[in-house]
């Protein structure tokens, strides 16, 4: 087998592996289980699962568009939750429609 054929075979195998792990990443998110619990339940190698998740995160970091308001801004909607980040930054959520987007990007 020549070098070009070997490279083509490696690409197909790699693509198949990536598809396999992408499918499990989607299923894990929908399962409600932690990554470790999902891997144990499905007899998956946790280190491999993390490898692929980290690889995809490096390729396409998720950015969420936010609108900043002053601390004195008043809203009529009730506060649903508050996320506290490093350096004392907080994100107060008043709109329930944004929660699924935020949760999916935290994973």
PDB file of N, CA and C in Angstrom:
ATOM      1  N   UNK A   1       0.855  -1.179   0.000  1.00  0.00           N
ATOM      2  CA  UNK A   1       0.000   0.000   0.000  1.00  0.00           C
ATOM      3  C   UNK A   1       0.892   1.230   0.000  1.00  0.00           C
ATOM      4  N   UNK A   2       0.565   2.220  -0.834  1.00  0.00           N
ATOM      5  CA  UNK A   2       1.432   3.389  -0.901  1.00  0.00           C
ATOM      6  C   UNK A   2       1.108   4.395   0.201  1.00  0.00           C
ATOM      7  N   UNK A   3       1.947   5.412   0.301  1.00  0.00           N
ATOM      8  CA  UNK A   3       1.833   6.401   1.371  1.00  0.00           C
ATOM      9  C   UNK A   3       0.518   7.161   1.312  1.00  0.00           C
ATOM     10  N   UNK A   4       0.084   7.541   0.119  1.00  0.00           N
ATOM     11  CA  UNK A   4      -1.176   8.283  -0.027  1.00  0.00           C
ATOM     12  C   UNK A   4      -2.357   7.449   0.450  1.00  0.00           C
ATOM     13  N   UNK A   5      -2.348   6.160   0.141  1.00  0.00           N
ATOM     14  CA  UNK A   5      -3.434   5.277   0.582  1.00  0.00           C
ATOM     15  C   UNK A   5      -3.422   5.141   2.095  1.00  0.00           C
ATOM     16  N   UNK A   6      -2.230   5.053   2.711  1.00  0.00           N
ATOM     17  CA  UNK A   6      -2.134   4.982   4.173  1.00  0.00           C
ATOM     18  C   UNK A   6      -2.701   6.231   4.821  1.00  0.00           C
ATOM     19  N   UNK A   7      -2.374   7.397   4.267  1.00  0.00           N
ATOM     20  CA  UNK A   7      -2.874   8.649   4.827  1.00  0.00           C
ATOM     21  C   UNK A   7      -4.386   8.714   4.716  1.00  0.00           C
ATOM     22  N   UNK A   8      -4.931   8.277   3.584  1.00  0.00           N
ATOM     23  CA  UNK A   8      -6.377   8.290   3.396  1.00  0.00           C
ATOM     24  C   UNK A   8      -7.059   7.371   4.406  1.00  0.00           C
ATOM     25  N   UNK A   9      -6.490   6.197   4.640  1.00  0.00           N
ATOM     26  CA  UNK A   9      -7.033   5.260   5.615  1.00  0.00           C
ATOM     27  C   UNK A   9      -6.996   5.854   7.010  1.00  0.00           C
ATOM     28  N   UNK A  10      -5.882   6.512   7.370  1.00  0.00           N
ATOM     29  CA  UNK A  10      -5.766   7.136   8.690  1.00  0.00           C
ATOM     30  C   UNK A  10      -6.795   8.235   8.881  1.00  0.00           C
ATOM     31  N   UNK A  11      -7.055   9.009   7.839  1.00  0.00           N
ATOM     32  CA  UNK A  11      -8.058  10.066   7.927  1.00  0.00           C
ATOM     33  C   UNK A  11      -9.428   9.462   8.170  1.00  0.00           C
ATOM     34  N   UNK A  12      -9.764   8.380   7.460  1.00  0.00           N
ATOM     35  CA  UNK A  12     -11.065   7.730   7.643  1.00  0.00           C
ATOM     36  C   UNK A  12     -11.205   7.174   9.058  1.00  0.00           C
ATOM     37  N   UNK A  13     -10.162   6.538   9.561  1.00  0.00           N
ATOM     38  CA  UNK A  13     -10.204   5.976  10.909  1.00  0.00           C
ATOM     39  C   UNK A  13     -10.362   7.094  11.924  1.00  0.00           C
ATOM     40  N   UNK A  14      -9.583   8.174  11.756  1.00  0.00           N
ATOM     41  CA  UNK A  14      -9.669   9.301  12.676  1.00  0.00           C
ATOM     42  C   UNK A  14     -11.055   9.921  12.653  1.00  0.00           C
ATOM     43  N   UNK A  15     -11.617  10.072  11.452  1.00  0.00           N
ATOM     44  CA  UNK A  15     -12.954  10.637  11.312  1.00  0.00           C
ATOM     45  C   UNK A  15     -13.991   9.749  11.995  1.00  0.00           C
ATOM     46  N   UNK A  16     -13.832   8.426  11.863  1.00  0.00           N
ATOM     47  CA  UNK A  16     -14.752   7.503  12.515  1.00  0.00           C
ATOM     48  C   UNK A  16     -14.665   7.598  14.026  1.00  0.00           C
ATOM     49  N   UNK A  17     -13.444   7.724  14.547  1.00  0.00           N
ATOM     50  CA  UNK A  17     -13.268   7.883  15.993  1.00  0.00           C
ATOM     51  C   UNK A  17     -13.890   9.185  16.465  1.00  0.00           C
ATOM     52  N   UNK A  18     -13.652  10.242  15.690  1.00  0.00           N
ATOM     53  CA  UNK A  18     -14.196  11.539  16.085  1.00  0.00           C
ATOM     54  C   UNK A  18     -15.719  11.501  16.104  1.00  0.00           C
ATOM     55  N   UNK A  19     -16.327  10.878  15.104  1.00  0.00           N
ATOM     56  CA  UNK A  19     -17.786  10.746  15.066  1.00  0.00           C
ATOM     57  C   UNK A  19     -18.298   9.961  16.267  1.00  0.00           C
ATOM     58  N   UNK A  20     -17.586   8.900  16.618  1.00  0.00           N
ATOM     59  CA  UNK A  20     -17.952   8.082  17.767  1.00  0.00           C
ATOM     60  C   UNK A  20     -17.993   8.935  19.036  1.00  0.00           C
ATOM     61  N   UNK A  21     -16.925   9.721  19.264  1.00  0.00           N
ATOM     62  CA  UNK A  21     -16.847  10.529  20.489  1.00  0.00           C
ATOM     63  C   UNK A  21     -17.813  11.705  20.448  1.00  0.00           C
ATOM     64  N   UNK A  22     -18.062  12.269  19.262  1.00  0.00           N
ATOM     65  CA  UNK A  22     -19.043  13.361  19.154  1.00  0.00           C
ATOM     66  C   UNK A  22     -20.434  12.866  19.539  1.00  0.00           C
ATOM     67  N   UNK A  23     -20.762  11.667  19.077  1.00  0.00           N
ATOM     68  CA  UNK A  23     -22.067  11.095  19.414  1.00  0.00           C
ATOM     69  C   UNK A  23     -22.180  10.921  20.930  1.00  0.00           C
ATOM     70  N   UNK A  24     -21.125  10.423  21.559  1.00  0.00           N
ATOM     71  CA  UNK A  24     -21.171  10.246  23.009  1.00  0.00           C
ATOM     72  C   UNK A  24     -21.192  11.582  23.743  1.00  0.00           C
ATOM     73  N   UNK A  25     -20.549  12.600  23.198  1.00  0.00           N
ATOM     74  CA  UNK A  25     -20.586  13.923  23.830  1.00  0.00           C
ATOM     75  C   UNK A  25     -22.012  14.464  23.852  1.00  0.00           C
ATOM     76  N   UNK A  26     -22.723  14.287  22.751  1.00  0.00           N
ATOM     77  CA  UNK A  26     -24.121  14.729  22.675  1.00  0.00           C
ATOM     78  C   UNK A  26     -24.988  13.932  23.647  1.00  0.00           C
ATOM     79  N   UNK A  27     -24.793  12.619  23.660  1.00  0.00           N
ATOM     80  CA  UNK A  27     -25.590  11.764  24.555  1.00  0.00           C
ATOM     81  C   UNK A  27     -25.300  12.072  26.022  1.00  0.00           C
ATOM     82  N   UNK A  28     -24.039  12.344  26.345  1.00  0.00           N
ATOM     83  CA  UNK A  28     -23.678  12.660  27.739  1.00  0.00           C
ATOM     84  C   UNK A  28     -24.354  13.943  28.191  1.00  0.00           C
ATOM     85  N   UNK A  29     -24.351  14.964  27.328  1.00  0.00           N
ATOM     86  CA  UNK A  29     -24.996  16.236  27.696  1.00  0.00           C
ATOM     87  C   UNK A  29     -26.470  16.032  27.994  1.00  0.00           C
ATOM     88  N   UNK A  30     -27.123  15.209  27.196  1.00  0.00           N
ATOM     89  CA  UNK A  30     -28.553  14.979  27.380  1.00  0.00           C
ATOM     90  C   UNK A  30     -28.890  14.006  28.492  1.00  0.00           C
ATOM     91  N   UNK A  31     -27.886  13.305  28.993  1.00  0.00           N
ATOM     92  CA  UNK A  31     -28.140  12.262  29.988  1.00  0.00           C
ATOM     93  C   UNK A  31     -28.352  12.788  31.398  1.00  0.00           C
ATOM     94  N   UNK A  32     -27.839  13.979  31.672  1.00  0.00           N
ATOM     95  CA  UNK A  32     -27.913  14.491  33.036  1.00  0.00           C
ATOM     96  C   UNK A  32     -26.834  13.922  33.937  1.00  0.00           C
ATOM     97  N   UNK A  33     -25.979  13.077  33.402  1.00  0.00           N
ATOM     98  CA  UNK A  33     -24.886  12.476  34.176  1.00  0.00           C
ATOM     99  C   UNK A  33     -23.623  13.307  34.016  1.00  0.00           C
ATOM    100  N   UNK A  34     -22.761  13.233  35.000  1.00  0.00           N
ATOM    101  CA  UNK A  34     -21.455  13.872  34.857  1.00  0.00           C
ATOM    102  C   UNK A  34     -20.677  13.113  33.787  1.00  0.00           C
ATOM    103  N   UNK A  35     -19.595  13.688  33.309  1.00  0.00           N
ATOM    104  CA  UNK A  35     -18.790  13.010  32.300  1.00  0.00           C
ATOM    105  C   UNK A  35     -18.278  11.670  32.821  1.00  0.00           C
ATOM    106  N   UNK A  36     -17.768  11.668  34.051  1.00  0.00           N
ATOM    107  CA  UNK A  36     -17.220  10.444  34.639  1.00  0.00           C
ATOM    108  C   UNK A  36     -18.311   9.379  34.796  1.00  0.00           C
ATOM    109  N   UNK A  37     -19.480   9.783  35.286  1.00  0.00           N
ATOM    110  CA  UNK A  37     -20.579   8.828  35.460  1.00  0.00           C
ATOM    111  C   UNK A  37     -21.015   8.248  34.110  1.00  0.00           C
ATOM    112  N   UNK A  38     -21.112   9.120  33.117  1.00  0.00           N
ATOM    113  CA  UNK A  38     -21.514   8.661  31.786  1.00  0.00           C
ATOM    114  C   UNK A  38     -20.514   7.644  31.248  1.00  0.00           C
ATOM    115  N   UNK A  39     -19.224   7.925  31.395  1.00  0.00           N
ATOM    116  CA  UNK A  39     -18.191   7.011  30.900  1.00  0.00           C
ATOM    117  C   UNK A  39     -18.242   5.673  31.625  1.00  0.00           C
ATOM    118  N   UNK A  40     -18.433   5.706  32.946  1.00  0.00           N
ATOM    119  CA  UNK A  40     -18.537   4.448  33.703  1.00  0.00           C
ATOM    120  C   UNK A  40     -19.737   3.639  33.230  1.00  0.00           C
ATOM    121  N   UNK A  41     -20.877   4.309  33.101  1.00  0.00           N
ATOM    122  CA  UNK A  41     -22.109   3.623  32.716  1.00  0.00           C
ATOM    123  C   UNK A  41     -22.006   3.017  31.315  1.00  0.00           C
ATOM    124  N   UNK A  42     -21.281   3.689  30.416  1.00  0.00           N
ATOM    125  CA  UNK A  42     -21.182   3.234  29.031  1.00  0.00           C
ATOM    126  C   UNK A  42     -19.848   2.563  28.716  1.00  0.00           C
ATOM    127  N   UNK A  43     -19.087   2.260  29.759  1.00  0.00           N
ATOM    128  CA  UNK A  43     -17.805   1.564  29.631  1.00  0.00           C
ATOM    129  C   UNK A  43     -16.885   2.249  28.613  1.00  0.00           C
ATOM    130  N   UNK A  44     -16.761   3.578  28.767  1.00  0.00           N
ATOM    131  CA  UNK A  44     -15.892   4.373  27.910  1.00  0.00           C
ATOM    132  C   UNK A  44     -14.651   4.793  28.685  1.00  0.00           C
ATOM    133  N   UNK A  45     -13.570   4.971  27.985  1.00  0.00           N
ATOM    134  CA  UNK A  45     -12.342   5.449  28.594  1.00  0.00           C
ATOM    135  C   UNK A  45     -12.499   6.952  28.850  1.00  0.00           C
ATOM    136  N   UNK A  46     -12.508   7.331  30.119  1.00  0.00           N
ATOM    137  CA  UNK A  46     -12.735   8.723  30.493  1.00  0.00           C
ATOM    138  C   UNK A  46     -11.651   9.644  29.941  1.00  0.00           C
ATOM    139  N   UNK A  47     -10.411   9.192  29.947  1.00  0.00           N
ATOM    140  CA  UNK A  47      -9.309  10.015  29.437  1.00  0.00           C
ATOM    141  C   UNK A  47      -9.492  10.302  27.947  1.00  0.00           C
ATOM    142  N   UNK A  48      -9.930   9.314  27.189  1.00  0.00           N
ATOM    143  CA  UNK A  48     -10.187   9.525  25.758  1.00  0.00           C
ATOM    144  C   UNK A  48     -11.349  10.494  25.552  1.00  0.00           C
ATOM    145  N   UNK A  49     -12.386  10.330  26.359  1.00  0.00           N
ATOM    146  CA  UNK A  49     -13.547  11.219  26.261  1.00  0.00           C
ATOM    147  C   UNK A  49     -13.130  12.662  26.513  1.00  0.00           C
ATOM    148  N   UNK A  50     -12.355  12.882  27.567  1.00  0.00           N
ATOM    149  CA  UNK A  50     -11.852  14.235  27.881  1.00  0.00           C
ATOM    150  C   UNK A  50     -10.937  14.758  26.784  1.00  0.00           C
ATOM    151  N   UNK A  51     -10.102  13.888  26.218  1.00  0.00           N
ATOM    152  CA  UNK A  51      -9.206  14.301  25.139  1.00  0.00           C
ATOM    153  C   UNK A  51      -9.997  14.932  24.002  1.00  0.00           C
ATOM    154  N   UNK A  52     -11.046  14.227  23.559  1.00  0.00           N
ATOM    155  CA  UNK A  52     -11.826  14.745  22.436  1.00  0.00           C
ATOM    156  C   UNK A  52     -12.566  16.023  22.809  1.00  0.00           C
ATOM    157  N   UNK A  53     -13.112  16.097  24.010  1.00  0.00           N
ATOM    158  CA  UNK A  53     -13.810  17.321  24.429  1.00  0.00           C
ATOM    159  C   UNK A  53     -12.851  18.501  24.440  1.00  0.00           C
ATOM    160  N   UNK A  54     -11.652  18.300  24.972  1.00  0.00           N
ATOM    161  CA  UNK A  54     -10.648  19.372  25.007  1.00  0.00           C
ATOM    162  C   UNK A  54     -10.201  19.748  23.605  1.00  0.00           C
ATOM    163  N   UNK A  55     -10.054  18.768  22.743  1.00  0.00           N
ATOM    164  CA  UNK A  55      -9.640  19.025  21.365  1.00  0.00           C
ATOM    165  C   UNK A  55     -10.660  19.914  20.661  1.00  0.00           C
ATOM    166  N   UNK A  56     -11.937  19.610  20.817  1.00  0.00           N
ATOM    167  CA  UNK A  56     -12.976  20.410  20.171  1.00  0.00           C
ATOM    168  C   UNK A  56     -13.058  21.798  20.773  1.00  0.00           C
ATOM    169  N   UNK A  57     -12.861  21.907  22.076  1.00  0.00           N
ATOM    170  CA  UNK A  57     -12.931  23.201  22.741  1.00  0.00           C
ATOM    171  C   UNK A  57     -11.829  24.122  22.215  1.00  0.00           C
ATOM    172  N   UNK A  58     -10.628  23.561  21.966  1.00  0.00           N
ATOM    173  CA  UNK A  58      -9.525  24.358  21.439  1.00  0.00           C
ATOM    174  C   UNK A  58      -9.805  24.826  20.018  1.00  0.00           C
ATOM    175  N   UNK A  59     -10.504  24.009  19.255  1.00  0.00           N
ATOM    176  CA  UNK A  59     -10.799  24.341  17.863  1.00  0.00           C
ATOM    177  C   UNK A  59     -11.850  25.441  17.772  1.00  0.00           C
ATOM    178  N   UNK A  60     -12.895  25.328  18.571  1.00  0.00           N
ATOM    179  CA  UNK A  60     -13.997  26.291  18.466  1.00  0.00           C
ATOM    180  C   UNK A  60     -14.472  26.721  19.850  1.00  0.00           C
ATOM    181  N   UNK A  61     -13.802  27.700  20.443  1.00  0.00           N
ATOM    182  CA  UNK A  61     -14.262  28.178  21.738  1.00  0.00           C
ATOM    183  C   UNK A  61     -15.644  28.822  21.592  1.00  0.00           C
ATOM    184  N   UNK A  62     -16.457  28.638  22.601  1.00  0.00           N
ATOM    185  CA  UNK A  62     -17.807  29.174  22.554  1.00  0.00           C
ATOM    186  C   UNK A  62     -17.815  30.576  23.150  1.00  0.00           C
ATOM    187  N   UNK A  63     -18.410  31.483  22.444  1.00  0.00           N
ATOM    188  CA  UNK A  63     -18.583  32.844  22.928  1.00  0.00           C
ATOM    189  C   UNK A  63     -20.075  33.121  23.003  1.00  0.00           C
ATOM    190  N   UNK A  64     -20.455  33.809  24.042  1.00  0.00           N
ATOM    191  CA  UNK A  64     -21.851  34.170  24.221  1.00  0.00           C
ATOM    192  C   UNK A  64     -21.946  35.684  24.199  1.00  0.00           C
ATOM    193  N   UNK A  65     -22.833  36.182  23.409  1.00  0.00           N
ATOM    194  CA  UNK A  65     -23.053  37.617  23.353  1.00  0.00           C
ATOM    195  C   UNK A  65     -23.840  38.054  24.585  1.00  0.00           C
ATOM    196  N   UNK A  66     -23.359  39.079  25.257  1.00  0.00           N
ATOM    197  CA  UNK A  66     -24.063  39.605  26.425  1.00  0.00           C
ATOM    198  C   UNK A  66     -24.188  41.111  26.292  1.00  0.00           C
ATOM    199  N   UNK A  67     -25.199  41.639  26.921  1.00  0.00           N
ATOM    200  CA  UNK A  67     -25.386  43.080  26.978  1.00  0.00           C
ATOM    201  C   UNK A  67     -25.121  43.522  28.397  1.00  0.00           C
ATOM    202  N   UNK A  68     -24.201  44.447  28.556  1.00  0.00           N
ATOM    203  CA  UNK A  68     -23.847  44.924  29.884  1.00  0.00           C
ATOM    204  C   UNK A  68     -24.701  46.123  30.248  1.00  0.00           C
ATOM    205  N   UNK A  69     -25.115  46.153  31.497  1.00  0.00           N
ATOM    206  CA  UNK A  69     -25.851  47.303  32.013  1.00  0.00           C
ATOM    207  C   UNK A  69     -25.166  47.773  33.278  1.00  0.00           C
ATOM    208  N   UNK A  70     -25.434  48.975  33.644  1.00  0.00           N
ATOM    209  CA  UNK A  70     -24.818  49.491  34.860  1.00  0.00           C
ATOM    210  C   UNK A  70     -25.420  48.807  36.071  1.00  0.00           C
ATOM    211  N   UNK A  71     -24.692  48.820  37.160  1.00  0.00           N
ATOM    212  CA  UNK A  71     -25.165  48.185  38.390  1.00  0.00           C
ATOM    213  C   UNK A  71     -26.444  48.845  38.887  1.00  0.00           C
ATOM    214  N   UNK A  72     -26.647  50.079  38.510  1.00  0.00           N
ATOM    215  CA  UNK A  72     -27.828  50.810  38.965  1.00  0.00           C
ATOM    216  C   UNK A  72     -29.058  50.545  38.097  1.00  0.00           C
ATOM    217  N   UNK A  73     -28.887  49.799  37.012  1.00  0.00           N
ATOM    218  CA  UNK A  73     -30.014  49.529  36.115  1.00  0.00           C
ATOM    219  C   UNK A  73     -31.091  48.740  36.853  1.00  0.00           C
ATOM    220  N   UNK A  74     -32.328  49.090  36.583  1.00  0.00           N
ATOM    221  CA  UNK A  74     -33.455  48.439  37.243  1.00  0.00           C
ATOM    222  C   UNK A  74     -34.180  47.569  36.226  1.00  0.00           C
ATOM    223  N   UNK A  75     -34.508  46.347  36.624  1.00  0.00           N
ATOM    224  CA  UNK A  75     -35.272  45.464  35.756  1.00  0.00           C
ATOM    225  C   UNK A  75     -36.551  45.058  36.477  1.00  0.00           C
ATOM    226  N   UNK A  76     -37.591  44.842  35.685  1.00  0.00           N
ATOM    227  CA  UNK A  76     -38.861  44.436  36.281  1.00  0.00           C
ATOM    228  C   UNK A  76     -38.979  42.926  36.359  1.00  0.00           C
ATOM    229  N   UNK A  77     -38.094  42.207  35.644  1.00  0.00           N
ATOM    230  CA  UNK A  77     -38.144  40.746  35.665  1.00  0.00           C
ATOM    231  C   UNK A  77     -37.443  40.225  36.918  1.00  0.00           C
ATOM    232  N   UNK A  78     -37.960  39.126  37.483  1.00  0.00           N
ATOM    233  CA  UNK A  78     -37.330  38.572  38.689  1.00  0.00           C
ATOM    234  C   UNK A  78     -35.971  37.944  38.372  1.00  0.00           C
ATOM    235  N   UNK A  79     -35.099  37.980  39.344  1.00  0.00           N
ATOM    236  CA  UNK A  79     -33.782  37.370  39.207  1.00  0.00           C
ATOM    237  C   UNK A  79     -33.945  35.858  39.305  1.00  0.00           C
ATOM    238  N   UNK A  80     -33.486  35.131  38.263  1.00  0.00           N
ATOM    239  CA  UNK A  80     -33.601  33.678  38.240  1.00  0.00           C
ATOM    240  C   UNK A  80     -32.395  32.999  38.880  1.00  0.00           C
ATOM    241  N   UNK A  81     -31.205  33.496  38.579  1.00  0.00           N
ATOM    242  CA  UNK A  81     -30.002  32.941  39.178  1.00  0.00           C
ATOM    243  C   UNK A  81     -28.840  33.903  38.991  1.00  0.00           C
ATOM    244  N   UNK A  82     -27.797  33.687  39.766  1.00  0.00           N
ATOM    245  CA  UNK A  82     -26.586  34.494  39.675  1.00  0.00           C
ATOM    246  C   UNK A  82     -25.399  33.559  39.550  1.00  0.00           C
ATOM    247  N   UNK A  83     -24.559  33.793  38.550  1.00  0.00           N
ATOM    248  CA  UNK A  83     -23.329  33.032  38.378  1.00  0.00           C
ATOM    249  C   UNK A  83     -22.175  33.915  38.845  1.00  0.00           C
ATOM    250  N   UNK A  84     -21.321  33.363  39.679  1.00  0.00           N
ATOM    251  CA  UNK A  84     -20.165  34.110  40.161  1.00  0.00           C
ATOM    252  C   UNK A  84     -18.904  33.493  39.572  1.00  0.00           C
ATOM    253  N   UNK A  85     -18.099  34.330  38.940  1.00  0.00           N
ATOM    254  CA  UNK A  85     -16.886  33.879  38.274  1.00  0.00           C
ATOM    255  C   UNK A  85     -15.659  34.354  39.044  1.00  0.00           C
ATOM    256  N   UNK A  86     -14.501  33.977  38.537  1.00  0.00           N
ATOM    257  CA  UNK A  86     -13.248  34.415  39.141  1.00  0.00           C
ATOM    258  C   UNK A  86     -13.190  35.938  39.159  1.00  0.00           C
ATOM    259  N   UNK A  87     -12.402  36.446  40.075  1.00  0.00           N
ATOM    260  CA  UNK A  87     -12.187  37.888  40.227  1.00  0.00           C
ATOM    261  C   UNK A  87     -13.455  38.633  40.598  1.00  0.00           C
ATOM    262  N   UNK A  88     -14.428  37.922  41.168  1.00  0.00           N
ATOM    263  CA  UNK A  88     -15.627  38.566  41.680  1.00  0.00           C
ATOM    264  C   UNK A  88     -16.642  39.001  40.643  1.00  0.00           C
ATOM    265  N   UNK A  89     -16.480  38.597  39.414  1.00  0.00           N
ATOM    266  CA  UNK A  89     -17.439  38.968  38.368  1.00  0.00           C
ATOM    267  C   UNK A  89     -18.711  38.135  38.542  1.00  0.00           C
ATOM    268  N   UNK A  90     -19.840  38.772  38.314  1.00  0.00           N
ATOM    269  CA  UNK A  90     -21.114  38.061  38.442  1.00  0.00           C
ATOM    270  C   UNK A  90     -21.955  38.264  37.191  1.00  0.00           C
ATOM    271  N   UNK A  91     -22.793  37.294  36.944  1.00  0.00           N
ATOM    272  CA  UNK A  91     -23.742  37.358  35.840  1.00  0.00           C
ATOM    273  C   UNK A  91     -25.108  37.050  36.438  1.00  0.00           C
ATOM    274  N   UNK A  92     -25.991  38.012  36.391  1.00  0.00           N
ATOM    275  CA  UNK A  92     -27.335  37.824  36.930  1.00  0.00           C
ATOM    276  C   UNK A  92     -28.286  37.538  35.765  1.00  0.00           C
ATOM    277  N   UNK A  93     -29.003  36.450  35.885  1.00  0.00           N
ATOM    278  CA  UNK A  93     -29.896  36.004  34.814  1.00  0.00           C
ATOM    279  C   UNK A  93     -31.334  36.349  35.172  1.00  0.00           C
ATOM    280  N   UNK A  94     -31.958  37.106  34.286  1.00  0.00           N
ATOM    281  CA  UNK A  94     -33.360  37.471  34.481  1.00  0.00           C
ATOM    282  C   UNK A  94     -34.263  36.855  33.415  1.00  0.00           C
ATOM    283  N   UNK A  95     -33.676  36.428  32.303  1.00  0.00           N
ATOM    284  CA  UNK A  95     -34.444  35.899  31.167  1.00  0.00           C
ATOM    285  C   UNK A  95     -34.236  34.389  31.083  1.00  0.00           C
ATOM    286  N   UNK A  96     -35.295  33.612  31.326  1.00  0.00           N
ATOM    287  CA  UNK A  96     -35.153  32.154  31.365  1.00  0.00           C
ATOM    288  C   UNK A  96     -34.815  31.552  30.007  1.00  0.00           C
ATOM    289  N   UNK A  97     -35.059  32.248  28.929  1.00  0.00           N
ATOM    290  CA  UNK A  97     -34.756  31.695  27.609  1.00  0.00           C
ATOM    291  C   UNK A  97     -33.252  31.568  27.344  1.00  0.00           C
ATOM    292  N   UNK A  98     -32.427  32.288  28.094  1.00  0.00           N
ATOM    293  CA  UNK A  98     -30.976  32.253  27.885  1.00  0.00           C
ATOM    294  C   UNK A  98     -30.295  31.139  28.689  1.00  0.00           C
ATOM    295  N   UNK A  99     -30.961  30.572  29.672  1.00  0.00           N
ATOM    296  CA  UNK A  99     -30.348  29.576  30.552  1.00  0.00           C
ATOM    297  C   UNK A  99     -29.832  28.344  29.797  1.00  0.00           C
ATOM    298  N   UNK A 100     -30.589  27.736  28.868  1.00  0.00           N
ATOM    299  CA  UNK A 100     -30.032  26.575  28.144  1.00  0.00           C
ATOM    300  C   UNK A 100     -28.743  26.907  27.388  1.00  0.00           C
ATOM    301  N   UNK A 101     -28.665  28.086  26.792  1.00  0.00           N
ATOM    302  CA  UNK A 101     -27.461  28.488  26.074  1.00  0.00           C
ATOM    303  C   UNK A 101     -26.271  28.612  27.027  1.00  0.00           C
ATOM    304  N   UNK A 102     -26.493  29.207  28.166  1.00  0.00           N
ATOM    305  CA  UNK A 102     -25.415  29.368  29.142  1.00  0.00           C
ATOM    306  C   UNK A 102     -24.960  28.010  29.671  1.00  0.00           C
ATOM    307  N   UNK A 103     -25.904  27.152  30.009  1.00  0.00           N
ATOM    308  CA  UNK A 103     -25.545  25.832  30.539  1.00  0.00           C
ATOM    309  C   UNK A 103     -24.795  25.005  29.514  1.00  0.00           C
ATOM    310  N   UNK A 104     -25.181  25.068  28.248  1.00  0.00           N
ATOM    311  CA  UNK A 104     -24.485  24.288  27.234  1.00  0.00           C
ATOM    312  C   UNK A 104     -23.067  24.789  27.014  1.00  0.00           C
ATOM    313  N   UNK A 105     -22.822  26.055  27.253  1.00  0.00           N
ATOM    314  CA  UNK A 105     -21.468  26.586  27.044  1.00  0.00           C
ATOM    315  C   UNK A 105     -20.570  26.371  28.255  1.00  0.00           C
ATOM    316  N   UNK A 106     -21.122  26.044  29.410  1.00  0.00           N
ATOM    317  CA  UNK A 106     -20.300  25.815  30.609  1.00  0.00           C
ATOM    318  C   UNK A 106     -19.658  24.446  30.609  1.00  0.00           C
ATOM    319  N   UNK A 107     -20.201  23.554  29.830  1.00  0.00           N
ATOM    320  CA  UNK A 107     -19.677  22.191  29.795  1.00  0.00           C
ATOM    321  C   UNK A 107     -18.383  22.130  29.133  1.00  0.00           C
TER     322      UNK A 107
END
